[in-house]
Amino acid sequence: MDGSDSPRTQSVRAFARNLAPLNIPILLWDERWSTQAVERAMIEADVSRAKRAEKVDALAAAHILQGAIDALANLAQRH
């Protein structure tokens, strides 16, 4: 959380560098807060604890995907 790269982050960045010769777009995405964001939204929507537990992983994945899609769309608009 201090802005430094964790060992996992370093590994992912190295993996992305190894893919560079393929010349495909690669978006690195920090997903650490996705579950908390989804939990907060479900609590605000008064979703029961049981329903939250049942849905949180799928909704967090959707949250991450939507964020990535939005970032790529914004990038495409600038170019």
Protein backbone atom coordinates (compact mmCIF):
# COMPACT_ATOMS: atom_id res chain seq x y z
CA MET A 1 0.00 0.00 0.00
CA ASP A 2 3.06 2.26 0.20
CA GLY A 3 3.52 2.30 -3.56
CA SER A 4 6.39 -0.15 -3.66
CA ASP A 5 6.17 -3.30 -5.75
CA SER A 6 5.53 -6.55 -3.93
CA PRO A 7 7.22 -9.76 -5.08
CA ARG A 8 3.96 -10.70 -6.85
CA THR A 9 3.81 -7.33 -8.60
CA GLN A 10 7.42 -7.71 -9.73
CA SER A 11 6.61 -11.17 -11.08
CA VAL A 12 3.59 -9.90 -13.00
CA ARG A 13 5.56 -7.01 -14.47
CA ALA A 14 8.29 -9.44 -15.58
CA PHE A 15 5.66 -11.68 -17.18
CA ALA A 16 4.23 -8.68 -19.04
CA ARG A 17 7.72 -7.72 -20.26
CA ASN A 18 8.19 -11.27 -21.55
CA LEU A 19 5.00 -10.88 -23.59
CA ALA A 20 6.19 -7.63 -25.19
CA PRO A 21 7.59 -9.37 -28.31
CA LEU A 22 4.05 -10.53 -29.11
CA ASN A 23 3.09 -6.88 -29.64
CA ILE A 24 -0.30 -7.24 -27.97
CA PRO A 25 -1.82 -4.67 -25.63
CA ILE A 26 -1.30 -5.52 -21.97
CA LEU A 27 -3.13 -3.73 -19.19
CA LEU A 28 -1.85 -4.20 -15.66
CA TRP A 29 -4.66 -3.65 -13.17
CA ASP A 30 -4.54 -3.19 -9.40
CA GLU A 31 -7.52 -5.14 -8.12
CA ARG A 32 -6.80 -5.01 -4.38
CA TRP A 33 -9.82 -2.88 -3.50
CA SER A 34 -12.37 -4.54 -5.79
CA THR A 35 -13.88 -6.82 -3.15
CA GLN A 36 -14.19 -3.97 -0.66
CA ALA A 37 -15.85 -1.75 -3.27
CA VAL A 38 -18.38 -4.44 -4.14
CA GLU A 39 -19.03 -5.25 -0.47
CA ARG A 40 -19.62 -1.56 0.28
CA ALA A 41 -22.05 -1.23 -2.65
CA MET A 42 -23.97 -4.34 -1.57
CA ILE A 43 -24.19 -3.11 2.03
CA GLU A 44 -25.49 0.26 0.78
CA ALA A 45 -28.06 -1.67 -1.29
CA ASP A 46 -29.07 -3.52 1.90
CA VAL A 47 -28.09 -6.94 0.53
CA SER A 48 -28.13 -9.58 3.27
CA ARG A 49 -24.85 -11.01 4.56
CA ALA A 50 -25.71 -14.43 3.11
CA LYS A 51 -26.43 -12.99 -0.34
CA ARG A 52 -23.25 -10.91 -0.20
CA ALA A 53 -21.17 -14.00 0.58
CA GLU A 54 -22.82 -15.82 -2.30
CA LYS A 55 -22.23 -13.08 -4.88
CA VAL A 56 -19.11 -11.14 -3.82
CA ASP A 57 -16.52 -13.01 -5.90
CA ALA A 58 -18.51 -12.85 -9.13
CA LEU A 59 -19.35 -9.18 -8.61
CA ALA A 60 -15.74 -8.33 -7.75
CA ALA A 61 -14.62 -10.03 -10.97
CA ALA A 62 -17.21 -8.02 -12.90
CA HIS A 63 -16.01 -4.84 -11.16
CA ILE A 64 -12.40 -5.56 -12.20
CA LEU A 65 -13.43 -6.35 -15.77
CA GLN A 66 -15.55 -3.22 -16.08
CA GLY A 67 -12.71 -1.08 -14.77
CA ALA A 68 -10.33 -2.58 -17.31
CA ILE A 69 -12.83 -2.09 -20.15
CA ASP A 70 -13.35 1.53 -19.14
CA ALA A 71 -9.59 2.14 -18.98
CA LEU A 72 -9.07 0.63 -22.43
CA ALA A 73 -11.97 2.64 -23.86
CA ASN A 74 -10.50 5.84 -22.46
CA LEU A 75 -7.11 4.94 -23.89
CA ALA A 76 -8.66 4.29 -27.31
CA GLN A 77 -10.47 7.66 -27.24
CA ARG A 78 -7.19 9.48 -26.63
CA HIS A 79 -5.52 7.87 -29.64
